[in-house]
């Protein structure tokens, strides 16, 4: 048993997604967008399929880009007033870009999605 302690453990992680280098701190504004989305819609709504979703996520992304073009710290006043959550338009840009990509990848793989 003494020799076993000197052996290196086995871990089958070759070729798997690496996460360690992703600083979670940068995801905090996205978590706020998600929290506001739960209040406005429902939990996991963003995972569901959408009619004409690519265009709609792109349009939302561009509306938020316009709203923060001059100030990356611009707050979505509509969300703040209706739900009491301060959400950066810049974070909503990233959110919409990520979900446009998510849905495009699911469609490319031919996967049914949104069934969480």
PDB file of N, CA and C in Angstrom:
ATOM      1  N   UNK A   1       0.826  -1.202   0.000  1.00  0.00           N
ATOM      2  CA  UNK A   1       0.000   0.000   0.000  1.00  0.00           C
ATOM      3  C   UNK A   1       0.863   1.256   0.000  1.00  0.00           C
ATOM      4  N   UNK A   2       2.043   1.195   0.623  1.00  0.00           N
ATOM      5  CA  UNK A   2       2.942   2.337   0.653  1.00  0.00           C
ATOM      6  C   UNK A   2       3.372   2.783  -0.720  1.00  0.00           C
ATOM      7  N   UNK A   3       3.621   1.835  -1.628  1.00  0.00           N
ATOM      8  CA  UNK A   3       4.033   2.175  -2.986  1.00  0.00           C
ATOM      9  C   UNK A   3       2.909   2.836  -3.773  1.00  0.00           C
ATOM     10  N   UNK A   4       1.664   2.449  -3.519  1.00  0.00           N
ATOM     11  CA  UNK A   4       0.523   3.032  -4.229  1.00  0.00           C
ATOM     12  C   UNK A   4       0.421   4.532  -3.992  1.00  0.00           C
ATOM     13  N   UNK A   5       0.824   4.992  -2.825  1.00  0.00           N
ATOM     14  CA  UNK A   5       0.757   6.420  -2.523  1.00  0.00           C
ATOM     15  C   UNK A   5       1.723   7.224  -3.386  1.00  0.00           C
ATOM     16  N   UNK A   6       2.770   6.578  -3.887  1.00  0.00           N
ATOM     17  CA  UNK A   6       3.757   7.258  -4.709  1.00  0.00           C
ATOM     18  C   UNK A   6       3.358   7.305  -6.172  1.00  0.00           C
ATOM     19  N   UNK A   7       2.404   6.481  -6.579  1.00  0.00           N
ATOM     20  CA  UNK A   7       1.957   6.448  -7.969  1.00  0.00           C
ATOM     21  C   UNK A   7       1.054   7.651  -8.262  1.00  0.00           C
ATOM     22  N   UNK A   8       1.128   8.103  -9.487  1.00  0.00           N
ATOM     23  CA  UNK A   8       0.240   9.193  -9.903  1.00  0.00           C
ATOM     24  C   UNK A   8      -1.142   8.622 -10.201  1.00  0.00           C
ATOM     25  N   UNK A   9      -2.176   9.377  -9.842  1.00  0.00           N
ATOM     26  CA  UNK A   9      -3.549   8.947 -10.095  1.00  0.00           C
ATOM     27  C   UNK A   9      -3.871   8.936 -11.583  1.00  0.00           C
ATOM     28  N   UNK A  10      -4.890   8.189 -11.920  1.00  0.00           N
ATOM     29  CA  UNK A  10      -5.333   8.080 -13.302  1.00  0.00           C
ATOM     30  C   UNK A  10      -6.505   9.022 -13.526  1.00  0.00           C
ATOM     31  N   UNK A  11      -6.450   9.751 -14.604  1.00  0.00           N
ATOM     32  CA  UNK A  11      -7.533  10.669 -14.964  1.00  0.00           C
ATOM     33  C   UNK A  11      -7.674  10.658 -16.472  1.00  0.00           C
ATOM     34  N   UNK A  12      -8.823  10.232 -16.961  1.00  0.00           N
ATOM     35  CA  UNK A  12      -9.075  10.150 -18.399  1.00  0.00           C
ATOM     36  C   UNK A  12      -9.701  11.445 -18.899  1.00  0.00           C
ATOM     37  N   UNK A  13      -8.871  12.455 -19.088  1.00  0.00           N
ATOM     38  CA  UNK A  13      -9.389  13.751 -19.514  1.00  0.00           C
ATOM     39  C   UNK A  13      -8.736  14.279 -20.790  1.00  0.00           C
ATOM     40  N   UNK A  14      -7.963  13.456 -21.448  1.00  0.00           N
ATOM     41  CA  UNK A  14      -7.339  13.860 -22.708  1.00  0.00           C
ATOM     42  C   UNK A  14      -8.425  14.131 -23.753  1.00  0.00           C
ATOM     43  N   UNK A  15      -8.319  15.275 -24.399  1.00  0.00           N
ATOM     44  CA  UNK A  15      -9.272  15.627 -25.440  1.00  0.00           C
ATOM     45  C   UNK A  15     -10.582  16.217 -24.924  1.00  0.00           C
ATOM     46  N   UNK A  16     -10.720  16.356 -23.606  1.00  0.00           N
ATOM     47  CA  UNK A  16     -11.952  16.928 -23.041  1.00  0.00           C
ATOM     48  C   UNK A  16     -11.800  18.433 -22.878  1.00  0.00           C
ATOM     49  N   UNK A  17     -12.939  19.118 -22.820  1.00  0.00           N
ATOM     50  CA  UNK A  17     -12.958  20.575 -22.660  1.00  0.00           C
ATOM     51  C   UNK A  17     -12.187  20.971 -21.411  1.00  0.00           C
ATOM     52  N   UNK A  18     -11.313  21.950 -21.560  1.00  0.00           N
ATOM     53  CA  UNK A  18     -10.579  22.488 -20.419  1.00  0.00           C
ATOM     54  C   UNK A  18     -11.267  23.768 -19.945  1.00  0.00           C
ATOM     55  N   UNK A  19     -11.455  23.879 -18.651  1.00  0.00           N
ATOM     56  CA  UNK A  19     -12.181  25.008 -18.069  1.00  0.00           C
ATOM     57  C   UNK A  19     -11.323  25.851 -17.125  1.00  0.00           C
ATOM     58  N   UNK A  20     -10.235  25.316 -16.655  1.00  0.00           N
ATOM     59  CA  UNK A  20      -9.472  25.956 -15.591  1.00  0.00           C
ATOM     60  C   UNK A  20      -9.065  27.396 -15.929  1.00  0.00           C
ATOM     61  N   UNK A  21      -8.707  27.650 -17.159  1.00  0.00           N
ATOM     62  CA  UNK A  21      -8.231  28.972 -17.549  1.00  0.00           C
ATOM     63  C   UNK A  21      -9.310  30.028 -17.724  1.00  0.00           C
ATOM     64  N   UNK A  22     -10.572  29.650 -17.577  1.00  0.00           N
ATOM     65  CA  UNK A  22     -11.670  30.609 -17.727  1.00  0.00           C
ATOM     66  C   UNK A  22     -11.911  31.317 -16.393  1.00  0.00           C
ATOM     67  N   UNK A  23     -11.585  32.604 -16.285  1.00  0.00           N
ATOM     68  CA  UNK A  23     -11.813  33.319 -15.029  1.00  0.00           C
ATOM     69  C   UNK A  23     -13.312  33.575 -14.824  1.00  0.00           C
ATOM     70  N   UNK A  24     -13.870  32.958 -13.814  1.00  0.00           N
ATOM     71  CA  UNK A  24     -15.313  33.057 -13.571  1.00  0.00           C
ATOM     72  C   UNK A  24     -15.767  34.486 -13.282  1.00  0.00           C
ATOM     73  N   UNK A  25     -14.853  35.312 -12.834  1.00  0.00           N
ATOM     74  CA  UNK A  25     -15.163  36.709 -12.540  1.00  0.00           C
ATOM     75  C   UNK A  25     -15.769  37.424 -13.748  1.00  0.00           C
ATOM     76  N   UNK A  26     -15.287  37.088 -14.945  1.00  0.00           N
ATOM     77  CA  UNK A  26     -15.802  37.780 -16.130  1.00  0.00           C
ATOM     78  C   UNK A  26     -17.213  37.347 -16.481  1.00  0.00           C
ATOM     79  N   UNK A  27     -17.668  36.241 -15.904  1.00  0.00           N
ATOM     80  CA  UNK A  27     -19.010  35.740 -16.200  1.00  0.00           C
ATOM     81  C   UNK A  27     -20.086  36.344 -15.298  1.00  0.00           C
ATOM     82  N   UNK A  28     -19.685  37.068 -14.280  1.00  0.00           N
ATOM     83  CA  UNK A  28     -20.661  37.644 -13.346  1.00  0.00           C
ATOM     84  C   UNK A  28     -21.710  38.508 -14.038  1.00  0.00           C
ATOM     85  N   UNK A  29     -21.336  39.404 -14.970  1.00  0.00           N
ATOM     86  CA  UNK A  29     -22.374  40.182 -15.661  1.00  0.00           C
ATOM     87  C   UNK A  29     -23.341  39.301 -16.459  1.00  0.00           C
ATOM     88  N   UNK A  30     -22.870  38.165 -16.974  1.00  0.00           N
ATOM     89  CA  UNK A  30     -23.766  37.246 -17.682  1.00  0.00           C
ATOM     90  C   UNK A  30     -24.734  36.576 -16.709  1.00  0.00           C
ATOM     91  N   UNK A  31     -24.264  36.284 -15.509  1.00  0.00           N
ATOM     92  CA  UNK A  31     -25.146  35.701 -14.499  1.00  0.00           C
ATOM     93  C   UNK A  31     -26.262  36.679 -14.142  1.00  0.00           C
ATOM     94  N   UNK A  32     -25.950  37.959 -14.140  1.00  0.00           N
ATOM     95  CA  UNK A  32     -26.963  38.980 -13.868  1.00  0.00           C
ATOM     96  C   UNK A  32     -27.994  39.032 -14.997  1.00  0.00           C
ATOM     97  N   UNK A  33     -27.522  38.928 -16.244  1.00  0.00           N
ATOM     98  CA  UNK A  33     -28.443  38.869 -17.387  1.00  0.00           C
ATOM     99  C   UNK A  33     -29.360  37.658 -17.233  1.00  0.00           C
ATOM    100  N   UNK A  34     -28.787  36.542 -16.849  1.00  0.00           N
ATOM    101  CA  UNK A  34     -29.565  35.310 -16.672  1.00  0.00           C
ATOM    102  C   UNK A  34     -30.622  35.491 -15.569  1.00  0.00           C
ATOM    103  N   UNK A  35     -30.239  36.092 -14.465  1.00  0.00           N
ATOM    104  CA  UNK A  35     -31.175  36.324 -13.366  1.00  0.00           C
ATOM    105  C   UNK A  35     -32.330  37.226 -13.809  1.00  0.00           C
ATOM    106  N   UNK A  36     -32.009  38.261 -14.571  1.00  0.00           N
ATOM    107  CA  UNK A  36     -33.058  39.151 -15.081  1.00  0.00           C
ATOM    108  C   UNK A  36     -33.956  38.403 -16.061  1.00  0.00           C
ATOM    109  N   UNK A  37     -33.358  37.548 -16.881  1.00  0.00           N
ATOM    110  CA  UNK A  37     -34.136  36.750 -17.830  1.00  0.00           C
ATOM    111  C   UNK A  37     -35.097  35.808 -17.136  1.00  0.00           C
ATOM    112  N   UNK A  38     -34.686  35.274 -15.996  1.00  0.00           N
ATOM    113  CA  UNK A  38     -35.595  34.407 -15.230  1.00  0.00           C
ATOM    114  C   UNK A  38     -36.801  35.189 -14.730  1.00  0.00           C
ATOM    115  N   UNK A  39     -36.581  36.440 -14.339  1.00  0.00           N
ATOM    116  CA  UNK A  39     -37.684  37.278 -13.874  1.00  0.00           C
ATOM    117  C   UNK A  39     -38.600  37.670 -15.029  1.00  0.00           C
ATOM    118  N   UNK A  40     -37.994  38.003 -16.154  1.00  0.00           N
ATOM    119  CA  UNK A  40     -38.767  38.481 -17.301  1.00  0.00           C
ATOM    120  C   UNK A  40     -39.481  37.343 -18.024  1.00  0.00           C
ATOM    121  N   UNK A  41     -38.821  36.195 -18.145  1.00  0.00           N
ATOM    122  CA  UNK A  41     -39.382  35.072 -18.898  1.00  0.00           C
ATOM    123  C   UNK A  41     -39.614  33.894 -17.955  1.00  0.00           C
ATOM    124  N   UNK A  42     -38.678  32.960 -17.936  1.00  0.00           N
ATOM    125  CA  UNK A  42     -38.708  31.822 -17.023  1.00  0.00           C
ATOM    126  C   UNK A  42     -37.332  31.178 -17.061  1.00  0.00           C
ATOM    127  N   UNK A  43     -37.044  30.336 -16.092  1.00  0.00           N
ATOM    128  CA  UNK A  43     -35.768  29.641 -16.057  1.00  0.00           C
ATOM    129  C   UNK A  43     -35.615  28.776 -17.306  1.00  0.00           C
ATOM    130  N   UNK A  44     -34.455  28.843 -17.914  1.00  0.00           N
ATOM    131  CA  UNK A  44     -34.081  28.055 -19.094  1.00  0.00           C
ATOM    132  C   UNK A  44     -34.851  28.439 -20.366  1.00  0.00           C
ATOM    133  N   UNK A  45     -35.592  29.545 -20.365  1.00  0.00           N
ATOM    134  CA  UNK A  45     -36.305  29.960 -21.571  1.00  0.00           C
ATOM    135  C   UNK A  45     -35.353  30.112 -22.755  1.00  0.00           C
ATOM    136  N   UNK A  46     -34.164  30.613 -22.483  1.00  0.00           N
ATOM    137  CA  UNK A  46     -33.184  30.865 -23.546  1.00  0.00           C
ATOM    138  C   UNK A  46     -32.708  29.589 -24.236  1.00  0.00           C
ATOM    139  N   UNK A  47     -32.927  28.442 -23.613  1.00  0.00           N
ATOM    140  CA  UNK A  47     -32.493  27.168 -24.182  1.00  0.00           C
ATOM    141  C   UNK A  47     -33.521  26.595 -25.161  1.00  0.00           C
ATOM    142  N   UNK A  48     -34.716  27.134 -25.133  1.00  0.00           N
ATOM    143  CA  UNK A  48     -35.781  26.622 -26.000  1.00  0.00           C
ATOM    144  C   UNK A  48     -35.556  27.056 -27.443  1.00  0.00           C
ATOM    145  N   UNK A  49     -36.089  26.299 -28.387  1.00  0.00           N
ATOM    146  CA  UNK A  49     -36.015  26.751 -29.778  1.00  0.00           C
ATOM    147  C   UNK A  49     -36.886  27.999 -29.982  1.00  0.00           C
ATOM    148  N   UNK A  50     -36.489  28.844 -30.912  1.00  0.00           N
ATOM    149  CA  UNK A  50     -37.233  30.069 -31.210  1.00  0.00           C
ATOM    150  C   UNK A  50     -37.522  30.129 -32.694  1.00  0.00           C
ATOM    151  N   UNK A  51     -38.726  30.562 -33.036  1.00  0.00           N
ATOM    152  CA  UNK A  51     -39.052  30.797 -34.446  1.00  0.00           C
ATOM    153  C   UNK A  51     -38.192  31.969 -34.917  1.00  0.00           C
ATOM    154  N   UNK A  52     -37.440  31.756 -35.995  1.00  0.00           N
ATOM    155  CA  UNK A  52     -36.560  32.765 -36.562  1.00  0.00           C
ATOM    156  C   UNK A  52     -35.554  33.267 -35.518  1.00  0.00           C
ATOM    157  N   UNK A  53     -35.069  32.337 -34.703  1.00  0.00           N
ATOM    158  CA  UNK A  53     -34.206  32.666 -33.574  1.00  0.00           C
ATOM    159  C   UNK A  53     -32.912  33.353 -33.940  1.00  0.00           C
ATOM    160  N   UNK A  54     -32.266  32.945 -35.028  1.00  0.00           N
ATOM    161  CA  UNK A  54     -30.996  33.560 -35.398  1.00  0.00           C
ATOM    162  C   UNK A  54     -31.167  35.055 -35.630  1.00  0.00           C
ATOM    163  N   UNK A  55     -32.174  35.414 -36.390  1.00  0.00           N
ATOM    164  CA  UNK A  55     -32.430  36.838 -36.646  1.00  0.00           C
ATOM    165  C   UNK A  55     -32.783  37.564 -35.364  1.00  0.00           C
ATOM    166  N   UNK A  56     -33.594  36.947 -34.522  1.00  0.00           N
ATOM    167  CA  UNK A  56     -34.069  37.611 -33.308  1.00  0.00           C
ATOM    168  C   UNK A  56     -32.940  37.817 -32.295  1.00  0.00           C
ATOM    169  N   UNK A  57     -32.064  36.813 -32.129  1.00  0.00           N
ATOM    170  CA  UNK A  57     -30.916  36.989 -31.231  1.00  0.00           C
ATOM    171  C   UNK A  57     -29.947  38.023 -31.797  1.00  0.00           C
ATOM    172  N   UNK A  58     -29.765  38.020 -33.124  1.00  0.00           N
ATOM    173  CA  UNK A  58     -28.892  39.012 -33.752  1.00  0.00           C
ATOM    174  C   UNK A  58     -29.464  40.422 -33.567  1.00  0.00           C
ATOM    175  N   UNK A  59     -30.760  40.571 -33.815  1.00  0.00           N
ATOM    176  CA  UNK A  59     -31.392  41.886 -33.646  1.00  0.00           C
ATOM    177  C   UNK A  59     -31.234  42.390 -32.209  1.00  0.00           C
ATOM    178  N   UNK A  60     -31.460  41.519 -31.234  1.00  0.00           N
ATOM    179  CA  UNK A  60     -31.309  41.908 -29.828  1.00  0.00           C
ATOM    180  C   UNK A  60     -29.857  42.283 -29.526  1.00  0.00           C
ATOM    181  N   UNK A  61     -28.946  41.494 -30.056  1.00  0.00           N
ATOM    182  CA  UNK A  61     -27.520  41.784 -29.868  1.00  0.00           C
ATOM    183  C   UNK A  61     -27.181  43.176 -30.384  1.00  0.00           C
ATOM    184  N   UNK A  62     -27.692  43.516 -31.552  1.00  0.00           N
ATOM    185  CA  UNK A  62     -27.381  44.817 -32.148  1.00  0.00           C
ATOM    186  C   UNK A  62     -28.083  45.970 -31.429  1.00  0.00           C
ATOM    187  N   UNK A  63     -29.309  45.745 -30.943  1.00  0.00           N
ATOM    188  CA  UNK A  63     -29.988  46.792 -30.155  1.00  0.00           C
ATOM    189  C   UNK A  63     -29.175  47.120 -28.906  1.00  0.00           C
ATOM    190  N   UNK A  64     -28.679  46.079 -28.235  1.00  0.00           N
ATOM    191  CA  UNK A  64     -27.881  46.308 -27.024  1.00  0.00           C
ATOM    192  C   UNK A  64     -26.515  46.898 -27.367  1.00  0.00           C
ATOM    193  N   UNK A  65     -25.962  46.531 -28.519  1.00  0.00           N
ATOM    194  CA  UNK A  65     -24.695  47.125 -28.963  1.00  0.00           C
ATOM    195  C   UNK A  65     -24.875  48.629 -29.174  1.00  0.00           C
ATOM    196  N   UNK A  66     -25.974  49.001 -29.801  1.00  0.00           N
ATOM    197  CA  UNK A  66     -26.252  50.415 -30.013  1.00  0.00           C
ATOM    198  C   UNK A  66     -26.405  51.143 -28.674  1.00  0.00           C
ATOM    199  N   UNK A  67     -27.064  50.482 -27.714  1.00  0.00           N
ATOM    200  CA  UNK A  67     -27.324  51.118 -26.421  1.00  0.00           C
ATOM    201  C   UNK A  67     -26.047  51.328 -25.604  1.00  0.00           C
ATOM    202  N   UNK A  68     -24.990  50.561 -25.887  1.00  0.00           N
ATOM    203  CA  UNK A  68     -23.746  50.725 -25.121  1.00  0.00           C
ATOM    204  C   UNK A  68     -22.586  51.161 -25.998  1.00  0.00           C
ATOM    205  N   UNK A  69     -22.884  51.627 -27.204  1.00  0.00           N
ATOM    206  CA  UNK A  69     -21.836  52.021 -28.137  1.00  0.00           C
ATOM    207  C   UNK A  69     -20.909  53.078 -27.533  1.00  0.00           C
ATOM    208  N   UNK A  70     -21.459  54.045 -26.846  1.00  0.00           N
ATOM    209  CA  UNK A  70     -20.660  55.133 -26.284  1.00  0.00           C
ATOM    210  C   UNK A  70     -20.249  54.879 -24.832  1.00  0.00           C
ATOM    211  N   UNK A  71     -20.912  53.930 -24.168  1.00  0.00           N
ATOM    212  CA  UNK A  71     -20.622  53.660 -22.759  1.00  0.00           C
ATOM    213  C   UNK A  71     -20.775  52.167 -22.473  1.00  0.00           C
ATOM    214  N   UNK A  72     -19.665  51.441 -22.318  1.00  0.00           N
ATOM    215  CA  UNK A  72     -19.759  49.998 -22.074  1.00  0.00           C
ATOM    216  C   UNK A  72     -20.402  49.662 -20.727  1.00  0.00           C
ATOM    217  N   UNK A  73     -20.564  50.673 -19.870  1.00  0.00           N
ATOM    218  CA  UNK A  73     -21.191  50.451 -18.565  1.00  0.00           C
ATOM    219  C   UNK A  73     -22.656  50.897 -18.546  1.00  0.00           C
ATOM    220  N   UNK A  74     -23.228  51.154 -19.706  1.00  0.00           N
ATOM    221  CA  UNK A  74     -24.630  51.576 -19.776  1.00  0.00           C
ATOM    222  C   UNK A  74     -25.529  50.476 -19.226  1.00  0.00           C
ATOM    223  N   UNK A  75     -26.481  50.877 -18.385  1.00  0.00           N
ATOM    224  CA  UNK A  75     -27.422  49.961 -17.730  1.00  0.00           C
ATOM    225  C   UNK A  75     -28.739  49.957 -18.503  1.00  0.00           C
ATOM    226  N   UNK A  76     -29.331  48.786 -18.634  1.00  0.00           N
ATOM    227  CA  UNK A  76     -30.638  48.645 -19.270  1.00  0.00           C
ATOM    228  C   UNK A  76     -31.687  49.190 -18.296  1.00  0.00           C
ATOM    229  N   UNK A  77     -32.165  50.397 -18.550  1.00  0.00           N
ATOM    230  CA  UNK A  77     -33.104  51.059 -17.645  1.00  0.00           C
ATOM    231  C   UNK A  77     -34.453  50.354 -17.586  1.00  0.00           C
ATOM    232  N   UNK A  78     -34.885  49.764 -18.692  1.00  0.00           N
ATOM    233  CA  UNK A  78     -36.162  49.046 -18.704  1.00  0.00           C
ATOM    234  C   UNK A  78     -36.130  47.875 -17.718  1.00  0.00           C
ATOM    235  N   UNK A  79     -35.066  47.103 -17.739  1.00  0.00           N
ATOM    236  CA  UNK A  79     -34.931  45.960 -16.824  1.00  0.00           C
ATOM    237  C   UNK A  79     -34.815  46.455 -15.383  1.00  0.00           C
ATOM    238  N   UNK A  80     -34.061  47.517 -15.190  1.00  0.00           N
ATOM    239  CA  UNK A  80     -33.885  48.071 -13.845  1.00  0.00           C
ATOM    240  C   UNK A  80     -35.218  48.533 -13.265  1.00  0.00           C
ATOM    241  N   UNK A  81     -36.012  49.243 -14.074  1.00  0.00           N
ATOM    242  CA  UNK A  81     -37.292  49.763 -13.597  1.00  0.00           C
ATOM    243  C   UNK A  81     -38.323  48.661 -13.381  1.00  0.00           C
ATOM    244  N   UNK A  82     -38.404  47.707 -14.291  1.00  0.00           N
ATOM    245  CA  UNK A  82     -39.424  46.652 -14.190  1.00  0.00           C
ATOM    246  C   UNK A  82     -39.082  45.561 -13.190  1.00  0.00           C
ATOM    247  N   UNK A  83     -37.772  45.222 -13.079  1.00  0.00           N
ATOM    248  CA  UNK A  83     -37.394  44.048 -12.290  1.00  0.00           C
ATOM    249  C   UNK A  83     -36.391  44.343 -11.181  1.00  0.00           C
ATOM    250  N   UNK A  84     -35.915  45.577 -11.111  1.00  0.00           N
ATOM    251  CA  UNK A  84     -35.001  45.966 -10.051  1.00  0.00           C
ATOM    252  C   UNK A  84     -33.606  45.362 -10.173  1.00  0.00           C
ATOM    253  N   UNK A  85     -33.226  44.962 -11.374  1.00  0.00           N
ATOM    254  CA  UNK A  85     -31.918  44.362 -11.601  1.00  0.00           C
ATOM    255  C   UNK A  85     -31.116  45.267 -12.536  1.00  0.00           C
ATOM    256  N   UNK A  86     -29.891  45.574 -12.141  1.00  0.00           N
ATOM    257  CA  UNK A  86     -29.021  46.387 -12.995  1.00  0.00           C
ATOM    258  C   UNK A  86     -28.242  45.474 -13.928  1.00  0.00           C
ATOM    259  N   UNK A  87     -28.583  45.551 -15.205  1.00  0.00           N
ATOM    260  CA  UNK A  87     -27.972  44.711 -16.230  1.00  0.00           C
ATOM    261  C   UNK A  87     -27.253  45.619 -17.224  1.00  0.00           C
ATOM    262  N   UNK A  88     -26.007  45.296 -17.512  1.00  0.00           N
ATOM    263  CA  UNK A  88     -25.252  46.045 -18.508  1.00  0.00           C
ATOM    264  C   UNK A  88     -25.711  45.657 -19.914  1.00  0.00           C
ATOM    265  N   UNK A  89     -25.895  46.657 -20.742  1.00  0.00           N
ATOM    266  CA  UNK A  89     -26.195  46.366 -22.150  1.00  0.00           C
ATOM    267  C   UNK A  89     -25.055  45.549 -22.762  1.00  0.00           C
ATOM    268  N   UNK A  90     -23.813  45.824 -22.374  1.00  0.00           N
ATOM    269  CA  UNK A  90     -22.661  45.074 -22.893  1.00  0.00           C
ATOM    270  C   UNK A  90     -22.772  43.589 -22.576  1.00  0.00           C
ATOM    271  N   UNK A  91     -23.259  43.267 -21.387  1.00  0.00           N
ATOM    272  CA  UNK A  91     -23.440  41.868 -21.015  1.00  0.00           C
ATOM    273  C   UNK A  91     -24.555  41.239 -21.844  1.00  0.00           C
ATOM    274  N   UNK A  92     -25.580  42.022 -22.160  1.00  0.00           N
ATOM    275  CA  UNK A  92     -26.658  41.504 -23.000  1.00  0.00           C
ATOM    276  C   UNK A  92     -26.190  41.264 -24.427  1.00  0.00           C
ATOM    277  N   UNK A  93     -25.230  42.062 -24.890  1.00  0.00           N
ATOM    278  CA  UNK A  93     -24.623  41.818 -26.207  1.00  0.00           C
ATOM    279  C   UNK A  93     -23.971  40.437 -26.198  1.00  0.00           C
ATOM    280  N   UNK A  94     -23.157  40.188 -25.181  1.00  0.00           N
ATOM    281  CA  UNK A  94     -22.463  38.903 -25.072  1.00  0.00           C
ATOM    282  C   UNK A  94     -23.458  37.754 -24.929  1.00  0.00           C
ATOM    283  N   UNK A  95     -24.484  37.952 -24.136  1.00  0.00           N
ATOM    284  CA  UNK A  95     -25.519  36.925 -23.916  1.00  0.00           C
ATOM    285  C   UNK A  95     -26.187  36.533 -25.236  1.00  0.00           C
ATOM    286  N   UNK A  96     -26.612  37.531 -25.981  1.00  0.00           N
ATOM    287  CA  UNK A  96     -27.288  37.258 -27.254  1.00  0.00           C
ATOM    288  C   UNK A  96     -26.348  36.604 -28.257  1.00  0.00           C
ATOM    289  N   UNK A  97     -25.080  37.019 -28.275  1.00  0.00           N
ATOM    290  CA  UNK A  97     -24.105  36.387 -29.171  1.00  0.00           C
ATOM    291  C   UNK A  97     -23.911  34.921 -28.788  1.00  0.00           C
ATOM    292  N   UNK A  98     -23.813  34.640 -27.494  1.00  0.00           N
ATOM    293  CA  UNK A  98     -23.631  33.260 -27.042  1.00  0.00           C
ATOM    294  C   UNK A  98     -24.839  32.385 -27.363  1.00  0.00           C
ATOM    295  N   UNK A  99     -26.026  32.921 -27.191  1.00  0.00           N
ATOM    296  CA  UNK A  99     -27.205  32.107 -27.467  1.00  0.00           C
ATOM    297  C   UNK A  99     -27.492  31.997 -28.958  1.00  0.00           C
ATOM    298  N   UNK A 100     -27.066  32.953 -29.730  1.00  0.00           N
ATOM    299  CA  UNK A 100     -27.139  32.796 -31.185  1.00  0.00           C
ATOM    300  C   UNK A 100     -26.222  31.648 -31.602  1.00  0.00           C
ATOM    301  N   UNK A 101     -25.023  31.614 -31.035  1.00  0.00           N
ATOM    302  CA  UNK A 101     -24.069  30.536 -31.311  1.00  0.00           C
ATOM    303  C   UNK A 101     -24.595  29.198 -30.800  1.00  0.00           C
ATOM    304  N   UNK A 102     -25.125  29.185 -29.581  1.00  0.00           N
ATOM    305  CA  UNK A 102     -25.666  27.944 -28.990  1.00  0.00           C
ATOM    306  C   UNK A 102     -26.724  27.316 -29.903  1.00  0.00           C
ATOM    307  N   UNK A 103     -27.674  28.122 -30.329  1.00  0.00           N
ATOM    308  CA  UNK A 103     -28.760  27.603 -31.164  1.00  0.00           C
ATOM    309  C   UNK A 103     -28.260  27.189 -32.547  1.00  0.00           C
ATOM    310  N   UNK A 104     -27.293  27.928 -33.098  1.00  0.00           N
ATOM    311  CA  UNK A 104     -26.732  27.560 -34.400  1.00  0.00           C
ATOM    312  C   UNK A 104     -25.991  26.231 -34.315  1.00  0.00           C
ATOM    313  N   UNK A 105     -25.244  26.020 -33.235  1.00  0.00           N
ATOM    314  CA  UNK A 105     -24.535  24.748 -33.066  1.00  0.00           C
ATOM    315  C   UNK A 105     -25.506  23.588 -32.889  1.00  0.00           C
ATOM    316  N   UNK A 106     -26.563  23.808 -32.135  1.00  0.00           N
ATOM    317  CA  UNK A 106     -27.574  22.758 -31.960  1.00  0.00           C
ATOM    318  C   UNK A 106     -28.228  22.417 -33.295  1.00  0.00           C
ATOM    319  N   UNK A 107     -28.540  23.437 -34.070  1.00  0.00           N
ATOM    320  CA  UNK A 107     -29.167  23.201 -35.381  1.00  0.00           C
ATOM    321  C   UNK A 107     -28.201  22.469 -36.312  1.00  0.00           C
ATOM    322  N   UNK A 108     -26.922  22.852 -36.268  1.00  0.00           N
ATOM    323  CA  UNK A 108     -25.918  22.205 -37.111  1.00  0.00           C
ATOM    324  C   UNK A 108     -25.792  20.719 -36.772  1.00  0.00           C
ATOM    325  N   UNK A 109     -25.877  20.401 -35.504  1.00  0.00           N
ATOM    326  CA  UNK A 109     -25.774  19.007 -35.064  1.00  0.00           C
ATOM    327  C   UNK A 109     -27.084  18.251 -35.261  1.00  0.00           C
ATOM    328  N   UNK A 110     -28.139  18.993 -35.612  1.00  0.00           N
ATOM    329  CA  UNK A 110     -29.443  18.371 -35.801  1.00  0.00           C
ATOM    330  C   UNK A 110     -30.066  17.918 -34.494  1.00  0.00           C
ATOM    331  N   UNK A 111     -29.622  18.517 -33.408  1.00  0.00           N
ATOM    332  CA  UNK A 111     -30.125  18.136 -32.089  1.00  0.00           C
ATOM    333  C   UNK A 111     -31.400  18.904 -31.762  1.00  0.00           C
ATOM    334  N   UNK A 112     -32.304  18.212 -31.136  1.00  0.00           N
ATOM    335  CA  UNK A 112     -33.459  18.885 -30.558  1.00  0.00           C
ATOM    336  C   UNK A 112     -32.940  19.545 -29.290  1.00  0.00           C
ATOM    337  N   UNK A 113     -33.263  20.783 -29.096  1.00  0.00           N
ATOM    338  CA  UNK A 113     -32.765  21.467 -27.905  1.00  0.00           C
ATOM    339  C   UNK A 113     -33.887  22.182 -27.181  1.00  0.00           C
ATOM    340  N   UNK A 114     -33.542  22.650 -25.998  1.00  0.00           N
ATOM    341  CA  UNK A 114     -34.509  23.367 -25.182  1.00  0.00           C
ATOM    342  C   UNK A 114     -35.316  22.451 -24.274  1.00  0.00           C
ATOM    343  N   UNK A 115     -34.912  21.229 -24.131  1.00  0.00           N
ATOM    344  CA  UNK A 115     -35.660  20.305 -23.290  1.00  0.00           C
ATOM    345  C   UNK A 115     -35.007  20.087 -21.937  1.00  0.00           C
ATOM    346  N   UNK A 116     -34.697  21.149 -21.269  1.00  0.00           N
ATOM    347  CA  UNK A 116     -34.087  21.048 -19.944  1.00  0.00           C
ATOM    348  C   UNK A 116     -35.147  20.964 -18.896  1.00  0.00           C
TER     349      UNK A 116
END
